């Protein structure tokens, strides 16, 4: 039997009007400490977003989601938060906030391959 590793994930959501608490799932962020894995992935269906809320600035939304990815990876241009260790970046990105881009509560699970699990969750919960 293959070893299973504990992981945590959250669904990345777009909530154009925070006061209405309506949202669309657009991505997943997944953290697995044992595999030293922290990555986010998103898919933005522009037509669906515009149908949901015509007031959304799609360029700004894309930039915010790309920043989410950069911070997850700790990549160049990810600012001071991107310099934190993986666990701290994950906690910062999934913290409760009242903005257009938010995360669900964090959920745990077990996986063999974190990257494969990220893709599966993305297919199940976003696409």
N, C-alpha and C. Protein backbone atom coordinates (compact mmCIF):
# COMPACT_ATOMS: atom_id res chain seq x y z
N UNK A 1 0.84 -1.19 0.00
CA UNK A 1 0.00 0.00 0.00
C UNK A 1 0.89 1.25 0.00
N UNK A 2 0.52 2.22 -0.82
CA UNK A 2 1.29 3.46 -0.88
C UNK A 2 1.01 4.32 0.34
N UNK A 3 2.04 5.06 0.74
CA UNK A 3 1.88 5.93 1.90
C UNK A 3 0.94 7.08 1.57
N UNK A 4 0.08 7.39 2.50
CA UNK A 4 -0.86 8.51 2.35
C UNK A 4 -0.34 9.69 3.17
N UNK A 5 -0.50 10.88 2.60
CA UNK A 5 -0.02 12.09 3.24
C UNK A 5 -1.19 13.02 3.54
N UNK A 6 -1.14 13.62 4.72
CA UNK A 6 -2.16 14.60 5.10
C UNK A 6 -2.01 15.85 4.24
N UNK A 7 -3.12 16.35 3.72
CA UNK A 7 -3.11 17.62 2.99
C UNK A 7 -4.27 18.47 3.46
N UNK A 8 -4.18 19.75 3.15
CA UNK A 8 -5.25 20.69 3.44
C UNK A 8 -5.53 21.46 2.16
N UNK A 9 -6.80 21.78 1.95
CA UNK A 9 -7.15 22.56 0.77
C UNK A 9 -8.31 23.51 1.08
N UNK A 10 -8.44 24.49 0.23
CA UNK A 10 -9.58 25.41 0.29
C UNK A 10 -9.98 25.72 -1.15
N UNK A 11 -11.24 26.04 -1.31
CA UNK A 11 -11.76 26.44 -2.61
C UNK A 11 -11.61 27.96 -2.73
N UNK A 12 -11.06 28.41 -3.85
CA UNK A 12 -10.92 29.85 -4.11
C UNK A 12 -12.21 30.31 -4.77
N UNK A 13 -12.79 31.36 -4.25
CA UNK A 13 -14.09 31.84 -4.71
C UNK A 13 -14.02 33.29 -5.14
N UNK A 14 -14.88 33.62 -6.08
CA UNK A 14 -15.08 35.01 -6.48
C UNK A 14 -16.44 35.42 -5.93
N UNK A 15 -16.43 36.49 -5.13
CA UNK A 15 -17.65 37.00 -4.52
C UNK A 15 -17.76 38.48 -4.90
N UNK A 16 -18.36 38.76 -6.07
CA UNK A 16 -18.39 40.13 -6.58
C UNK A 16 -19.05 41.14 -5.64
N UNK A 17 -20.10 40.72 -4.96
CA UNK A 17 -20.77 41.61 -4.01
C UNK A 17 -20.77 40.92 -2.66
N UNK A 18 -19.79 41.25 -1.87
CA UNK A 18 -19.56 40.58 -0.59
C UNK A 18 -20.81 40.59 0.28
N UNK A 19 -21.53 41.68 0.27
CA UNK A 19 -22.71 41.80 1.14
C UNK A 19 -23.80 40.79 0.79
N UNK A 20 -23.80 40.28 -0.45
CA UNK A 20 -24.82 39.30 -0.85
C UNK A 20 -24.40 37.86 -0.55
N UNK A 21 -23.11 37.66 -0.29
CA UNK A 21 -22.56 36.34 0.03
C UNK A 21 -22.81 35.31 -1.07
N UNK A 22 -22.91 35.76 -2.31
CA UNK A 22 -23.03 34.86 -3.45
C UNK A 22 -21.64 34.72 -4.07
N UNK A 23 -21.30 33.51 -4.48
CA UNK A 23 -19.96 33.30 -5.01
C UNK A 23 -19.94 32.25 -6.10
N UNK A 24 -18.84 32.26 -6.85
CA UNK A 24 -18.53 31.23 -7.83
C UNK A 24 -17.19 30.62 -7.46
N UNK A 25 -17.10 29.30 -7.51
CA UNK A 25 -15.82 28.62 -7.29
C UNK A 25 -14.96 28.79 -8.53
N UNK A 26 -13.74 29.28 -8.34
CA UNK A 26 -12.85 29.49 -9.49
C UNK A 26 -11.51 28.76 -9.36
N UNK A 27 -11.19 28.25 -8.18
CA UNK A 27 -9.90 27.60 -8.03
C UNK A 27 -9.77 26.81 -6.75
N UNK A 28 -8.59 26.21 -6.60
CA UNK A 28 -8.25 25.40 -5.43
C UNK A 28 -6.84 25.78 -4.99
N UNK A 29 -6.63 25.80 -3.69
CA UNK A 29 -5.29 25.92 -3.13
C UNK A 29 -5.09 24.69 -2.25
N UNK A 30 -3.93 24.03 -2.42
CA UNK A 30 -3.67 22.79 -1.69
C UNK A 30 -2.27 22.84 -1.08
N UNK A 31 -2.19 22.41 0.18
CA UNK A 31 -0.93 22.39 0.93
C UNK A 31 -0.72 21.00 1.51
N UNK A 32 0.43 20.42 1.26
CA UNK A 32 0.82 19.14 1.83
C UNK A 32 2.25 19.29 2.38
N UNK A 33 2.36 19.37 3.69
CA UNK A 33 3.66 19.63 4.34
C UNK A 33 4.67 18.53 4.04
N UNK A 34 4.27 17.28 4.15
CA UNK A 34 5.22 16.16 3.96
C UNK A 34 5.78 16.11 2.55
N UNK A 35 4.99 16.54 1.57
CA UNK A 35 5.47 16.56 0.18
C UNK A 35 6.05 17.92 -0.20
N UNK A 36 6.11 18.83 0.77
CA UNK A 36 6.61 20.19 0.52
C UNK A 36 5.93 20.79 -0.71
N UNK A 37 4.60 20.76 -0.66
CA UNK A 37 3.78 21.17 -1.80
C UNK A 37 2.80 22.25 -1.37
N UNK A 38 2.81 23.35 -2.08
CA UNK A 38 1.80 24.40 -1.94
C UNK A 38 1.59 24.98 -3.32
N UNK A 39 0.38 24.82 -3.81
CA UNK A 39 0.09 25.32 -5.14
C UNK A 39 -1.39 25.66 -5.23
N UNK A 40 -1.69 26.62 -6.07
CA UNK A 40 -3.08 26.94 -6.36
C UNK A 40 -3.28 26.89 -7.88
N UNK A 41 -4.51 26.66 -8.25
CA UNK A 41 -4.87 26.59 -9.66
C UNK A 41 -6.25 27.23 -9.79
N UNK A 42 -6.46 27.95 -10.88
CA UNK A 42 -7.78 28.54 -11.08
C UNK A 42 -8.17 28.47 -12.55
N UNK A 43 -9.47 28.53 -12.77
CA UNK A 43 -10.05 28.62 -14.11
C UNK A 43 -11.11 29.70 -14.06
N UNK A 44 -10.99 30.65 -14.93
CA UNK A 44 -11.91 31.78 -14.92
C UNK A 44 -12.76 31.75 -16.18
N UNK A 45 -14.03 31.43 -16.01
CA UNK A 45 -14.99 31.45 -17.11
C UNK A 45 -15.57 32.86 -17.16
N UNK A 46 -15.02 33.67 -18.07
CA UNK A 46 -15.39 35.09 -18.12
C UNK A 46 -16.87 35.29 -18.38
N UNK A 47 -17.47 34.49 -19.24
CA UNK A 47 -18.90 34.62 -19.52
C UNK A 47 -19.74 34.34 -18.28
N UNK A 48 -19.34 33.33 -17.54
CA UNK A 48 -20.07 32.98 -16.32
C UNK A 48 -19.94 34.08 -15.28
N UNK A 49 -18.73 34.61 -15.15
CA UNK A 49 -18.50 35.71 -14.19
C UNK A 49 -19.35 36.93 -14.58
N UNK A 50 -19.33 37.29 -15.86
CA UNK A 50 -20.10 38.46 -16.32
C UNK A 50 -21.59 38.24 -16.17
N UNK A 51 -22.06 37.01 -16.38
CA UNK A 51 -23.49 36.72 -16.18
C UNK A 51 -23.86 36.83 -14.70
N UNK A 52 -22.92 36.47 -13.86
CA UNK A 52 -23.14 36.52 -12.41
C UNK A 52 -23.13 37.95 -11.91
N UNK A 53 -22.19 38.76 -12.45
CA UNK A 53 -22.09 40.15 -12.05
C UNK A 53 -21.40 40.94 -13.16
N UNK A 54 -22.14 41.79 -13.81
CA UNK A 54 -21.61 42.57 -14.94
C UNK A 54 -20.60 43.63 -14.49
N UNK A 55 -20.55 43.94 -13.21
CA UNK A 55 -19.68 44.99 -12.70
C UNK A 55 -18.25 44.54 -12.41
N UNK A 56 -17.96 43.26 -12.52
CA UNK A 56 -16.63 42.75 -12.18
C UNK A 56 -15.60 43.23 -13.20
N UNK A 57 -14.49 43.73 -12.68
CA UNK A 57 -13.35 44.11 -13.53
C UNK A 57 -12.53 42.84 -13.74
N UNK A 58 -12.67 42.22 -14.91
CA UNK A 58 -12.02 40.93 -15.19
C UNK A 58 -10.50 41.03 -15.16
N UNK A 59 -9.95 42.12 -15.64
CA UNK A 59 -8.49 42.27 -15.62
C UNK A 59 -7.97 42.31 -14.19
N UNK A 60 -8.62 43.06 -13.33
CA UNK A 60 -8.22 43.13 -11.93
C UNK A 60 -8.39 41.78 -11.24
N UNK A 61 -9.49 41.10 -11.56
CA UNK A 61 -9.74 39.78 -10.98
C UNK A 61 -8.64 38.80 -11.39
N UNK A 62 -8.29 38.78 -12.66
CA UNK A 62 -7.22 37.90 -13.15
C UNK A 62 -5.90 38.20 -12.44
N UNK A 63 -5.60 39.48 -12.29
CA UNK A 63 -4.35 39.86 -11.62
C UNK A 63 -4.34 39.38 -10.17
N UNK A 64 -5.48 39.51 -9.48
CA UNK A 64 -5.57 39.03 -8.09
C UNK A 64 -5.38 37.52 -8.01
N UNK A 65 -5.96 36.79 -8.95
CA UNK A 65 -5.82 35.34 -8.95
C UNK A 65 -4.38 34.92 -9.32
N UNK A 66 -3.77 35.65 -10.23
CA UNK A 66 -2.36 35.36 -10.57
C UNK A 66 -1.45 35.66 -9.38
N UNK A 67 -1.76 36.70 -8.62
CA UNK A 67 -0.99 37.00 -7.40
C UNK A 67 -1.13 35.86 -6.40
N UNK A 68 -2.33 35.30 -6.32
CA UNK A 68 -2.58 34.16 -5.45
C UNK A 68 -1.65 33.00 -5.83
N UNK A 69 -1.54 32.74 -7.13
CA UNK A 69 -0.66 31.67 -7.61
C UNK A 69 0.81 31.98 -7.31
N UNK A 70 1.24 33.23 -7.54
CA UNK A 70 2.63 33.61 -7.28
C UNK A 70 2.98 33.44 -5.81
N UNK A 71 2.08 33.88 -4.93
CA UNK A 71 2.33 33.76 -3.50
C UNK A 71 2.38 32.29 -3.10
N UNK A 72 1.48 31.48 -3.65
CA UNK A 72 1.49 30.04 -3.36
C UNK A 72 2.86 29.44 -3.66
N UNK A 73 3.41 29.80 -4.79
CA UNK A 73 4.69 29.24 -5.23
C UNK A 73 5.89 29.93 -4.58
N UNK A 74 5.66 31.08 -3.97
CA UNK A 74 6.78 31.85 -3.42
C UNK A 74 7.64 32.40 -4.55
N UNK A 75 7.01 32.67 -5.68
CA UNK A 75 7.72 33.08 -6.89
C UNK A 75 8.16 34.54 -6.83
N UNK A 76 9.06 34.91 -7.75
CA UNK A 76 9.46 36.31 -7.88
C UNK A 76 8.21 37.16 -8.11
N UNK A 77 8.19 38.32 -7.50
CA UNK A 77 7.04 39.21 -7.64
C UNK A 77 5.90 38.87 -6.70
N UNK A 78 6.14 37.98 -5.74
CA UNK A 78 5.07 37.61 -4.81
C UNK A 78 5.07 38.46 -3.54
N UNK A 79 5.97 39.44 -3.49
CA UNK A 79 6.00 40.37 -2.37
C UNK A 79 6.47 39.73 -1.07
N UNK A 80 6.31 40.44 0.04
CA UNK A 80 6.81 39.96 1.32
C UNK A 80 6.12 38.67 1.79
N UNK A 81 4.84 38.51 1.47
CA UNK A 81 4.12 37.30 1.88
C UNK A 81 4.72 36.08 1.17
N UNK A 82 5.15 36.26 -0.05
CA UNK A 82 5.74 35.17 -0.82
C UNK A 82 7.05 34.67 -0.25
N UNK A 83 7.65 35.42 0.68
CA UNK A 83 8.91 35.01 1.30
C UNK A 83 8.69 34.16 2.55
N UNK A 84 7.44 34.08 3.01
CA UNK A 84 7.14 33.25 4.19
C UNK A 84 7.33 31.78 3.85
N UNK A 85 7.41 30.93 4.88
CA UNK A 85 7.47 29.49 4.65
C UNK A 85 6.10 29.03 4.11
N UNK A 86 6.06 27.82 3.57
CA UNK A 86 4.84 27.32 2.92
C UNK A 86 3.61 27.36 3.83
N UNK A 87 3.77 26.86 5.04
CA UNK A 87 2.63 26.82 5.96
C UNK A 87 2.08 28.21 6.22
N UNK A 88 2.96 29.17 6.42
CA UNK A 88 2.52 30.55 6.69
C UNK A 88 1.86 31.16 5.46
N UNK A 89 2.38 30.88 4.26
CA UNK A 89 1.74 31.39 3.03
C UNK A 89 0.34 30.80 2.88
N UNK A 90 0.22 29.50 3.14
CA UNK A 90 -1.09 28.85 3.04
C UNK A 90 -2.07 29.48 4.02
N UNK A 91 -1.65 29.66 5.25
CA UNK A 91 -2.54 30.24 6.28
C UNK A 91 -2.92 31.68 5.90
N UNK A 92 -1.98 32.45 5.37
CA UNK A 92 -2.27 33.83 4.98
C UNK A 92 -3.27 33.85 3.83
N UNK A 93 -3.05 33.00 2.82
CA UNK A 93 -3.94 32.99 1.65
C UNK A 93 -5.34 32.50 1.99
N UNK A 94 -5.46 31.60 2.95
CA UNK A 94 -6.78 31.04 3.27
C UNK A 94 -7.46 31.74 4.45
N UNK A 95 -6.85 32.79 4.96
CA UNK A 95 -7.45 33.54 6.08
C UNK A 95 -8.78 34.17 5.64
N UNK A 96 -9.70 34.28 6.57
CA UNK A 96 -11.00 34.89 6.30
C UNK A 96 -10.81 36.36 5.94
N UNK A 97 -11.47 36.78 4.87
CA UNK A 97 -11.40 38.19 4.47
C UNK A 97 -12.68 38.58 3.76
N UNK A 98 -12.92 39.86 3.67
CA UNK A 98 -14.10 40.41 2.99
C UNK A 98 -13.67 41.10 1.71
N UNK A 99 -13.25 40.32 0.74
CA UNK A 99 -12.82 40.85 -0.54
C UNK A 99 -13.49 40.07 -1.66
N UNK A 100 -13.26 40.47 -2.87
CA UNK A 100 -13.87 39.79 -4.02
C UNK A 100 -13.31 38.37 -4.16
N UNK A 101 -12.02 38.17 -3.90
CA UNK A 101 -11.42 36.83 -3.94
C UNK A 101 -11.30 36.34 -2.50
N UNK A 102 -11.97 35.21 -2.23
CA UNK A 102 -11.98 34.64 -0.89
C UNK A 102 -11.74 33.14 -0.98
N UNK A 103 -11.50 32.52 0.17
CA UNK A 103 -11.37 31.07 0.24
C UNK A 103 -12.45 30.49 1.14
N UNK A 104 -12.79 29.25 0.85
CA UNK A 104 -13.69 28.51 1.73
C UNK A 104 -12.94 28.19 3.02
N UNK A 105 -13.61 27.54 3.92
CA UNK A 105 -12.91 27.00 5.09
C UNK A 105 -11.91 25.97 4.60
N UNK A 106 -10.89 25.72 5.39
CA UNK A 106 -9.87 24.74 5.04
C UNK A 106 -10.38 23.34 5.38
N UNK A 107 -10.17 22.41 4.44
CA UNK A 107 -10.61 21.03 4.60
C UNK A 107 -9.38 20.11 4.55
N UNK A 108 -9.35 19.06 5.37
CA UNK A 108 -8.23 18.12 5.34
C UNK A 108 -8.55 16.89 4.50
N UNK A 109 -7.52 16.15 4.18
CA UNK A 109 -7.68 14.88 3.49
C UNK A 109 -6.36 14.15 3.46
N UNK A 110 -6.36 12.98 2.83
CA UNK A 110 -5.14 12.20 2.64
C UNK A 110 -4.95 11.95 1.16
N UNK A 111 -3.69 12.00 0.72
CA UNK A 111 -3.39 11.78 -0.69
C UNK A 111 -2.08 11.04 -0.83
N UNK A 112 -1.87 10.50 -2.02
CA UNK A 112 -0.59 9.89 -2.38
C UNK A 112 0.24 10.92 -3.12
N UNK A 113 -0.39 11.64 -4.03
CA UNK A 113 0.28 12.63 -4.88
C UNK A 113 -0.48 13.95 -4.78
N UNK A 114 0.13 14.95 -4.17
CA UNK A 114 -0.55 16.23 -3.95
C UNK A 114 -0.92 16.93 -5.25
N UNK A 115 -0.05 16.90 -6.24
CA UNK A 115 -0.33 17.56 -7.52
C UNK A 115 -1.53 16.91 -8.21
N UNK A 116 -1.59 15.60 -8.17
CA UNK A 116 -2.73 14.88 -8.77
C UNK A 116 -4.02 15.19 -8.01
N UNK A 117 -3.93 15.26 -6.70
CA UNK A 117 -5.10 15.58 -5.87
C UNK A 117 -5.59 16.99 -6.16
N UNK A 118 -4.67 17.92 -6.34
CA UNK A 118 -5.05 19.30 -6.70
C UNK A 118 -5.86 19.31 -7.99
N UNK A 119 -5.40 18.58 -8.99
CA UNK A 119 -6.10 18.53 -10.28
C UNK A 119 -7.49 17.90 -10.12
N UNK A 120 -7.59 16.83 -9.35
CA UNK A 120 -8.88 16.16 -9.13
C UNK A 120 -9.87 17.09 -8.43
N UNK A 121 -9.40 17.75 -7.39
CA UNK A 121 -10.28 18.69 -6.68
C UNK A 121 -10.73 19.83 -7.59
N UNK A 122 -9.83 20.31 -8.41
CA UNK A 122 -10.16 21.37 -9.36
C UNK A 122 -11.27 20.91 -10.32
N UNK A 123 -11.13 19.72 -10.84
CA UNK A 123 -12.15 19.16 -11.74
C UNK A 123 -13.49 18.97 -11.04
N UNK A 124 -13.47 18.47 -9.80
CA UNK A 124 -14.69 18.18 -9.07
C UNK A 124 -15.40 19.43 -8.56
N UNK A 125 -14.65 20.42 -8.10
CA UNK A 125 -15.26 21.55 -7.39
C UNK A 125 -15.33 22.85 -8.18
N UNK A 126 -14.60 22.92 -9.30
CA UNK A 126 -14.55 24.17 -10.05
C UNK A 126 -15.09 24.01 -11.47
N UNK A 127 -14.59 23.03 -12.19
CA UNK A 127 -14.96 22.89 -13.61
C UNK A 127 -16.36 22.34 -13.80
